[in-house]
Amino acid sequence: MAKKKKQKEETIAENEANTATAEPQQDQKATENQEEKAELTAEEEIVELKQQVGELKDKYLRVYAEFENFRKRSVREKLDMMKTAAQDTMSVLLPVLDDFDRAKKSADSPDSEEKFSEGIELLYHKIYNILNSKGLESMESTGEAFDPELHEAITEIPAPTEEMKGKVIDTIEKGYKLKDKIIRHAKVVVGK
């Protein structure tokens, strides 16, 4: 029995020795596995962070581009508004200009008893010059080809000559533009 007891003790001692040497080997393997996992997760984290930076950069560029477009559009709208801000005022003055034109035409006819006085003539030219400086310009229509974008046909009459067919024969009411924008179409008689 003493022999068996001795063998048991030796076996236990060997097992303990093997366990003592196996534990550091297992600890070393576990540490190596953790280091590899840490390296992989660090690399994955770097890749993920680079991807996030790319996405954020793309979003930033898109927002910046949208803002630039908004800013340019706002400036353009503001300039357009400033160009045509006086449109309402000019539109109200157009009948007065028509009356001036009719009075001048009547006074200039040779059989008229009324004459356009020099003061009224100066006033007439001054008003036209001021309005022209603000961008108002009259459209000449008589003798031009009829264009529905520029003219409003009141009536059609037989053309006096073949070349006047489809052209404006007479202008009833002048058309006006304010800085290249039509504010009133010319009312015309067209030859057919």
Protein backbone atom coordinates (compact mmCIF):
# COMPACT_ATOMS: atom_id res chain seq x y z
CA MET A 1 0.00 0.00 0.00
CA ALA A 2 2.78 2.26 0.65
CA LYS A 3 3.84 1.73 -2.89
CA LYS A 4 0.43 2.61 -4.25
CA LYS A 5 0.28 5.61 -2.02
CA LYS A 6 3.66 6.72 -3.26
CA GLN A 7 2.60 6.27 -6.92
CA LYS A 8 -0.57 8.27 -6.28
CA GLU A 9 1.42 11.07 -4.75
CA GLU A 10 3.82 11.02 -7.69
CA THR A 11 0.92 11.09 -10.15
CA ILE A 12 -0.67 14.00 -8.28
CA ALA A 13 2.66 15.80 -8.24
CA GLU A 14 3.09 15.21 -11.99
CA ASN A 15 -0.44 16.42 -12.68
CA GLU A 16 0.19 19.50 -10.61
CA ALA A 17 3.45 20.10 -12.45
CA ASN A 18 1.76 19.60 -15.81
CA THR A 19 -1.07 21.90 -14.76
CA ALA A 20 1.38 24.53 -13.59
CA THR A 21 3.20 24.46 -16.96
CA ALA A 22 -0.10 24.23 -18.95
CA GLU A 23 -1.66 27.28 -17.30
CA PRO A 24 1.07 29.71 -18.43
CA GLN A 25 0.84 28.22 -21.94
CA GLN A 26 -2.95 28.70 -21.96
CA ASP A 27 -2.60 32.20 -20.53
CA GLN A 28 -0.05 33.00 -23.22
CA LYS A 29 -2.37 31.65 -25.96
CA ALA A 30 -5.33 33.61 -24.55
CA THR A 31 -3.24 36.77 -24.43
CA GLU A 32 -2.11 36.22 -28.04
CA ASN A 33 -5.75 35.68 -29.10
CA GLN A 34 -6.81 38.86 -27.30
CA GLU A 35 -3.99 40.81 -28.95
CA GLU A 36 -5.02 39.49 -32.38
CA LYS A 37 -8.66 40.40 -31.67
CA ALA A 38 -7.55 43.84 -30.47
CA GLU A 39 -5.51 44.30 -33.66
CA LEU A 40 -8.47 43.19 -35.79
CA THR A 41 -10.90 45.40 -33.95
CA ALA A 42 -8.48 48.33 -34.18
CA GLU A 43 -8.15 47.80 -37.94
CA GLU A 44 -11.92 47.38 -38.28
CA GLU A 45 -12.41 50.50 -36.18
CA ILE A 46 -10.01 52.45 -38.41
CA VAL A 47 -11.85 51.28 -41.52
CA GLU A 48 -15.20 52.16 -39.97
CA LEU A 49 -13.95 55.60 -38.88
CA LYS A 50 -12.57 56.27 -42.37
CA GLN A 51 -15.95 55.33 -43.83
CA GLN A 52 -17.75 57.65 -41.39
CA VAL A 53 -15.35 60.49 -42.26
CA GLY A 54 -16.04 59.92 -45.96
CA GLU A 55 -19.81 59.99 -45.39
CA LEU A 56 -19.60 63.15 -43.27
CA LYS A 57 -17.37 64.81 -45.86
CA ASP A 58 -19.90 63.95 -48.59
CA LYS A 59 -22.79 65.32 -46.50
CA TYR A 60 -20.82 68.50 -45.80
CA LEU A 61 -20.10 69.05 -49.49
CA ARG A 62 -23.75 68.50 -50.40
CA VAL A 63 -25.00 70.92 -47.74
CA TYR A 64 -22.37 73.47 -48.79
CA ALA A 65 -23.41 73.15 -52.45
CA GLU A 66 -27.09 73.55 -51.52
CA PHE A 67 -26.27 76.67 -49.50
CA GLU A 68 -24.25 78.16 -52.38
CA ASN A 69 -27.14 77.50 -54.78
CA PHE A 70 -29.57 79.10 -52.32
CA ARG A 71 -27.32 82.14 -51.92
CA LYS A 72 -26.92 82.60 -55.68
CA ARG A 73 -30.66 82.15 -56.26
CA SER A 74 -31.45 84.71 -53.55
CA VAL A 75 -29.07 87.26 -55.07
CA ARG A 76 -30.53 86.66 -58.54
CA GLU A 77 -34.11 87.02 -57.27
CA LYS A 78 -33.19 90.20 -55.43
CA LEU A 79 -31.63 91.69 -58.58
CA ASP A 80 -34.67 90.71 -60.65
CA MET A 81 -36.96 92.27 -58.08
CA MET A 82 -34.94 95.48 -58.09
CA LYS A 83 -35.04 95.59 -61.89
CA THR A 84 -38.81 95.35 -62.03
CA ALA A 85 -39.70 97.05 -58.74
CA ALA A 86 -41.11 100.04 -60.59
CA GLN A 87 -43.31 97.93 -62.88
CA ASP A 88 -46.54 98.81 -61.09
CA THR A 89 -45.77 102.52 -61.15
CA MET A 90 -44.79 102.39 -64.81
CA SER A 91 -47.95 100.46 -65.68
CA VAL A 92 -50.09 103.16 -64.06
CA LEU A 93 -48.27 105.89 -66.00
CA LEU A 94 -48.74 104.23 -69.41
CA PRO A 95 -52.24 105.67 -70.04
CA VAL A 96 -50.86 109.15 -69.31
CA LEU A 97 -48.10 108.55 -71.87
CA ASP A 98 -50.74 107.40 -74.37
CA ASP A 99 -52.68 110.62 -73.79
CA PHE A 100 -49.49 112.64 -74.33
CA ASP A 101 -48.81 110.75 -77.57
CA ARG A 102 -52.36 111.35 -78.86
CA ALA A 103 -52.20 115.05 -77.95
CA LYS A 104 -48.81 115.42 -79.69
CA LYS A 105 -50.05 113.55 -82.76
CA SER A 106 -53.15 115.76 -82.89
CA ALA A 107 -51.11 118.96 -82.46
CA ASP A 108 -48.59 117.87 -85.12
CA SER A 109 -51.25 117.26 -87.79
CA PRO A 110 -51.26 120.11 -90.33
CA ASP A 111 -55.01 120.80 -90.16
CA SER A 112 -55.08 121.08 -86.34
CA GLU A 113 -55.95 124.40 -84.74
CA GLU A 114 -54.32 123.43 -81.41
CA LYS A 115 -50.59 123.59 -81.17
CA PHE A 116 -48.35 121.83 -78.69
CA SER A 117 -46.87 124.66 -76.61
CA GLU A 118 -43.14 124.72 -76.07
CA GLY A 119 -43.55 124.11 -72.31
CA ILE A 120 -45.75 121.08 -72.88
CA GLU A 121 -43.25 119.81 -75.47
CA LEU A 122 -40.41 120.11 -72.90
CA LEU A 123 -42.50 118.34 -70.28
CA TYR A 124 -43.36 115.59 -72.79
CA HIS A 125 -39.67 114.96 -73.59
CA LYS A 126 -38.62 115.17 -69.93
CA ILE A 127 -41.14 112.52 -68.85
CA TYR A 128 -40.06 110.19 -71.67
CA ASN A 129 -36.36 110.71 -70.88
CA ILE A 130 -36.85 110.03 -67.16
CA LEU A 131 -38.86 106.87 -67.83
CA ASN A 132 -36.32 105.73 -70.45
CA SER A 133 -33.51 106.17 -67.91
CA LYS A 134 -35.44 103.88 -65.54
CA GLY A 135 -35.60 101.17 -68.22
CA LEU A 136 -38.97 101.85 -69.88
CA GLU A 137 -38.90 101.62 -73.66
CA SER A 138 -41.72 101.67 -76.19
CA MET A 139 -41.99 98.93 -78.79
CA GLU A 140 -42.35 99.94 -82.42
CA SER A 141 -44.89 97.68 -84.09
CA THR A 142 -46.17 99.27 -87.30
CA GLY A 143 -44.72 97.50 -90.34
CA GLU A 144 -43.28 94.63 -88.25
CA ALA A 145 -44.31 90.99 -88.65
CA PHE A 146 -47.11 90.05 -86.26
CA ASP A 147 -45.72 88.26 -83.20
CA PRO A 148 -48.29 87.04 -80.64
CA GLU A 149 -45.58 87.24 -77.95
CA LEU A 150 -45.27 91.00 -78.51
CA HIS A 151 -48.59 92.03 -80.03
CA GLU A 152 -52.25 91.71 -79.21
CA ALA A 153 -54.32 91.65 -82.41
CA ILE A 154 -57.44 93.78 -82.11
CA THR A 155 -58.66 93.07 -85.64
CA GLU A 156 -57.61 91.93 -89.08
CA ILE A 157 -58.17 93.95 -92.21
CA PRO A 158 -57.36 93.25 -95.85
CA ALA A 159 -53.71 94.10 -96.47
CA PRO A 160 -53.18 97.10 -98.78
CA THR A 161 -50.26 95.31 -100.47
CA GLU A 162 -49.15 91.71 -100.77
CA GLU A 163 -46.04 92.26 -98.61
CA MET A 164 -48.15 93.62 -95.70
CA LYS A 165 -49.95 90.29 -95.24
CA GLY A 166 -49.26 88.97 -91.74
CA LYS A 167 -47.71 92.28 -90.69
CA VAL A 168 -48.89 95.02 -88.37
CA ILE A 169 -50.68 97.71 -90.38
CA ASP A 170 -51.55 100.07 -87.53
CA THR A 171 -50.77 100.35 -83.83
CA ILE A 172 -53.78 101.27 -81.70
CA GLU A 173 -51.91 101.27 -78.38
CA LYS A 174 -48.12 101.11 -77.99
CA GLY A 175 -46.50 98.23 -76.20
CA TYR A 176 -43.86 98.84 -73.55
CA LYS A 177 -40.93 96.93 -72.08
CA LEU A 178 -39.33 97.51 -68.71
CA LYS A 179 -35.73 96.29 -68.83
CA ASP A 180 -36.48 93.68 -71.51
CA LYS A 181 -39.64 92.47 -69.78
CA ILE A 182 -42.91 93.22 -71.54
CA ILE A 183 -45.26 95.12 -69.23
CA ARG A 184 -47.88 95.88 -71.89
CA HIS A 185 -48.44 94.21 -75.25
CA ALA A 186 -49.04 96.44 -78.26
CA LYS A 187 -52.64 96.47 -79.49
CA VAL A 188 -52.45 96.27 -83.27
CA VAL A 189 -54.36 95.84 -86.52
CA VAL A 190 -53.00 93.01 -88.67
CA GLY A 191 -53.21 92.63 -92.45
CA LYS A 192 -54.63 89.42 -93.84
